[in-house]
Amino acid sequence: MPVSVVGESFAISVLALSVLSGVGSYLQGIREQRLAGGFLDFLTELTLALVVGLIVAYLCDSEGVESGYTSALVLIASNNGADSINFIRKLTSHTLARFFNTGGQGK
């Protein structure tokens, strides 16, 4: 996502919130014994949180959502990065299938 689209300070805020969510998700995963607690688990949770946070920030910016709501959505979505990525993947798959099944007409 280009920094000029969202604004430099807000992009840094989104990245910081995503990192915070990734660390929280990692620690919660260790607590629930869902994760072994290795460096690779940490890196995976952090990467998923960052990707989801940036996707949510970009979508919110393109829809004109206020920055406060965007920040809240980034925190919520990036806290469960793997679930959010799966949801985004399914939504994209259904949208593309509908688009191609209608011959590109949209409906």
C-alpha atoms as a PDB file:
ATOM      1  CA  MET A   1       0.000   0.000   0.000  1.00  0.00           C
ATOM      2  CA  PRO A   2       1.555   3.306  -0.981  1.00  0.00           C
ATOM      3  CA  VAL A   3       2.089   5.574   1.989  1.00  0.00           C
ATOM      4  CA  SER A   4       0.717   8.513   0.005  1.00  0.00           C
ATOM      5  CA  VAL A   5      -2.711   6.848  -0.161  1.00  0.00           C
ATOM      6  CA  VAL A   6      -3.304   6.771   3.578  1.00  0.00           C
ATOM      7  CA  GLY A   7      -0.874   9.325   4.932  1.00  0.00           C
ATOM      8  CA  GLU A   8       2.474   8.640   6.523  1.00  0.00           C
ATOM      9  CA  SER A   9       1.514   9.074  10.182  1.00  0.00           C
ATOM     10  CA  PHE A  10      -1.644   6.998   9.846  1.00  0.00           C
ATOM     11  CA  ALA A  11       0.243   4.249   7.992  1.00  0.00           C
ATOM     12  CA  ILE A  12       2.715   4.106  10.881  1.00  0.00           C
ATOM     13  CA  SER A  13      -0.212   3.896  13.312  1.00  0.00           C
ATOM     14  CA  VAL A  14      -1.743   1.028  11.336  1.00  0.00           C
ATOM     15  CA  LEU A  15       1.574  -0.821  11.324  1.00  0.00           C
ATOM     16  CA  ALA A  16       2.002  -0.277  15.071  1.00  0.00           C
ATOM     17  CA  LEU A  17      -1.532  -1.501  15.810  1.00  0.00           C
ATOM     18  CA  SER A  18      -0.979  -4.537  13.607  1.00  0.00           C
ATOM     19  CA  VAL A  19       2.281  -5.383  15.372  1.00  0.00           C
ATOM     20  CA  LEU A  20       0.537  -4.990  18.733  1.00  0.00           C
ATOM     21  CA  SER A  21      -2.216  -7.361  17.604  1.00  0.00           C
ATOM     22  CA  GLY A  22       0.309  -9.833  16.243  1.00  0.00           C
ATOM     23  CA  VAL A  23       2.223  -9.919  19.524  1.00  0.00           C
ATOM     24  CA  GLY A  24      -1.034 -10.281  21.445  1.00  0.00           C
ATOM     25  CA  SER A  25      -2.185 -13.106  19.199  1.00  0.00           C
ATOM     26  CA  TYR A  26       1.169 -14.854  19.632  1.00  0.00           C
ATOM     27  CA  LEU A  27       1.063 -14.585  23.420  1.00  0.00           C
ATOM     28  CA  GLN A  28      -2.554 -15.756  23.508  1.00  0.00           C
ATOM     29  CA  GLY A  29      -1.632 -18.692  21.285  1.00  0.00           C
ATOM     30  CA  ILE A  30       1.095 -19.720  23.716  1.00  0.00           C
ATOM     31  CA  ARG A  31      -1.280 -19.351  26.641  1.00  0.00           C
ATOM     32  CA  GLU A  32      -3.916 -21.531  24.951  1.00  0.00           C
ATOM     33  CA  GLN A  33      -1.174 -23.980  23.907  1.00  0.00           C
ATOM     34  CA  ARG A  34      -2.162 -23.453  20.270  1.00  0.00           C
ATOM     35  CA  LEU A  35       1.417 -22.394  19.472  1.00  0.00           C
ATOM     36  CA  ALA A  36       4.696 -23.962  20.524  1.00  0.00           C
ATOM     37  CA  GLY A  37       6.223 -20.557  21.199  1.00  0.00           C
ATOM     38  CA  GLY A  38       9.103 -20.610  18.745  1.00  0.00           C
ATOM     39  CA  PHE A  39      10.475 -17.753  16.689  1.00  0.00           C
ATOM     40  CA  LEU A  40       8.770 -19.042  13.546  1.00  0.00           C
ATOM     41  CA  ASP A  41       5.377 -18.981  15.300  1.00  0.00           C
ATOM     42  CA  PHE A  42       6.051 -15.399  16.378  1.00  0.00           C
ATOM     43  CA  LEU A  43       7.077 -14.358  12.879  1.00  0.00           C
ATOM     44  CA  THR A  44       4.011 -16.042  11.377  1.00  0.00           C
ATOM     45  CA  GLU A  45       1.570 -14.319  13.745  1.00  0.00           C
ATOM     46  CA  LEU A  46       3.284 -10.979  13.190  1.00  0.00           C
ATOM     47  CA  THR A  47       3.245 -11.326   9.398  1.00  0.00           C
ATOM     48  CA  LEU A  48      -0.421 -12.354   9.309  1.00  0.00           C
ATOM     49  CA  ALA A  49      -1.359  -9.424  11.548  1.00  0.00           C
ATOM     50  CA  LEU A  50       0.561  -6.959   9.380  1.00  0.00           C
ATOM     51  CA  VAL A  51      -0.957  -8.241   6.135  1.00  0.00           C
ATOM     52  CA  VAL A  52      -4.494  -8.161   7.527  1.00  0.00           C
ATOM     53  CA  GLY A  53      -3.954  -4.739   9.095  1.00  0.00           C
ATOM     54  CA  LEU A  54      -2.759  -3.260   5.819  1.00  0.00           C
ATOM     55  CA  ILE A  55      -5.616  -4.857   3.855  1.00  0.00           C
ATOM     56  CA  VAL A  56      -8.194  -3.488   6.295  1.00  0.00           C
ATOM     57  CA  ALA A  57      -6.583  -0.028   6.294  1.00  0.00           C
ATOM     58  CA  TYR A  58      -6.544   0.081   2.498  1.00  0.00           C
ATOM     59  CA  LEU A  59     -10.174  -1.067   2.211  1.00  0.00           C
ATOM     60  CA  CYS A  60     -11.326   1.399   4.858  1.00  0.00           C
ATOM     61  CA  ASP A  61      -9.423   4.224   3.173  1.00  0.00           C
ATOM     62  CA  SER A  62     -10.939   3.383  -0.208  1.00  0.00           C
ATOM     63  CA  GLU A  63     -14.428   3.449   1.337  1.00  0.00           C
ATOM     64  CA  GLY A  64     -13.796   6.711   3.204  1.00  0.00           C
ATOM     65  CA  VAL A  65     -14.087   5.260   6.725  1.00  0.00           C
ATOM     66  CA  GLU A  66     -12.916   7.574   9.510  1.00  0.00           C
ATOM     67  CA  SER A  67      -9.484   6.861  10.938  1.00  0.00           C
ATOM     68  CA  GLY A  68     -10.831   5.993  14.401  1.00  0.00           C
ATOM     69  CA  TYR A  69     -13.084   3.288  13.014  1.00  0.00           C
ATOM     70  CA  THR A  70     -10.292   2.112  10.748  1.00  0.00           C
ATOM     71  CA  SER A  71      -7.957   1.755  13.724  1.00  0.00           C
ATOM     72  CA  ALA A  72     -10.549  -0.268  15.620  1.00  0.00           C
ATOM     73  CA  LEU A  73     -11.160  -2.527  12.628  1.00  0.00           C
ATOM     74  CA  VAL A  74      -7.409  -3.015  12.166  1.00  0.00           C
ATOM     75  CA  LEU A  75      -7.067  -4.101  15.800  1.00  0.00           C
ATOM     76  CA  ILE A  76     -10.042  -6.452  15.633  1.00  0.00           C
ATOM     77  CA  ALA A  77      -9.194  -8.055  12.289  1.00  0.00           C
ATOM     78  CA  SER A  78      -5.450  -8.353  12.797  1.00  0.00           C
ATOM     79  CA  ASN A  79      -5.844  -9.937  16.223  1.00  0.00           C
ATOM     80  CA  ASN A  80      -7.051 -13.107  14.493  1.00  0.00           C
ATOM     81  CA  GLY A  81      -4.855 -12.885  11.418  1.00  0.00           C
ATOM     82  CA  ALA A  82      -5.287 -16.450  10.142  1.00  0.00           C
ATOM     83  CA  ASP A  83      -9.079 -16.344  10.482  1.00  0.00           C
ATOM     84  CA  SER A  84      -9.219 -12.931   8.816  1.00  0.00           C
ATOM     85  CA  ILE A  85      -7.028 -14.070   5.916  1.00  0.00           C
ATOM     86  CA  ASN A  86      -9.282 -17.112   5.388  1.00  0.00           C
ATOM     87  CA  PHE A  87     -12.377 -14.876   5.418  1.00  0.00           C
ATOM     88  CA  ILE A  88     -10.804 -12.448   2.932  1.00  0.00           C
ATOM     89  CA  ARG A  89      -9.749 -15.360   0.714  1.00  0.00           C
ATOM     90  CA  LYS A  90     -13.288 -16.832   0.681  1.00  0.00           C
ATOM     91  CA  LEU A  91     -14.883 -13.442   0.046  1.00  0.00           C
ATOM     92  CA  THR A  92     -12.500 -12.733  -2.823  1.00  0.00           C
ATOM     93  CA  SER A  93     -13.049 -16.174  -4.306  1.00  0.00           C
ATOM     94  CA  HIS A  94     -16.837 -15.802  -4.239  1.00  0.00           C
ATOM     95  CA  THR A  95     -16.671 -12.281  -5.669  1.00  0.00           C
ATOM     96  CA  LEU A  96     -14.400 -13.329  -8.529  1.00  0.00           C
ATOM     97  CA  ALA A  97     -16.501 -16.411  -9.262  1.00  0.00           C
ATOM     98  CA  ARG A  98     -19.664 -14.300  -9.402  1.00  0.00           C
ATOM     99  CA  PHE A  99     -17.922 -11.748 -11.627  1.00  0.00           C
ATOM    100  CA  PHE A 100     -16.691 -14.350 -14.116  1.00  0.00           C
ATOM    101  CA  ASN A 101     -19.920 -16.371 -14.056  1.00  0.00           C
ATOM    102  CA  THR A 102     -21.898 -13.300 -15.111  1.00  0.00           C
ATOM    103  CA  GLY A 103     -19.536 -12.467 -17.956  1.00  0.00           C
ATOM    104  CA  GLY A 104     -18.070  -9.466 -16.166  1.00  0.00           C
ATOM    105  CA  GLN A 105     -21.427  -7.687 -15.851  1.00  0.00           C
ATOM    106  CA  GLY A 106     -21.256  -7.512 -12.053  1.00  0.00           C
ATOM    107  CA  LYS A 107     -24.632  -9.034 -11.095  1.00  0.00           C
END
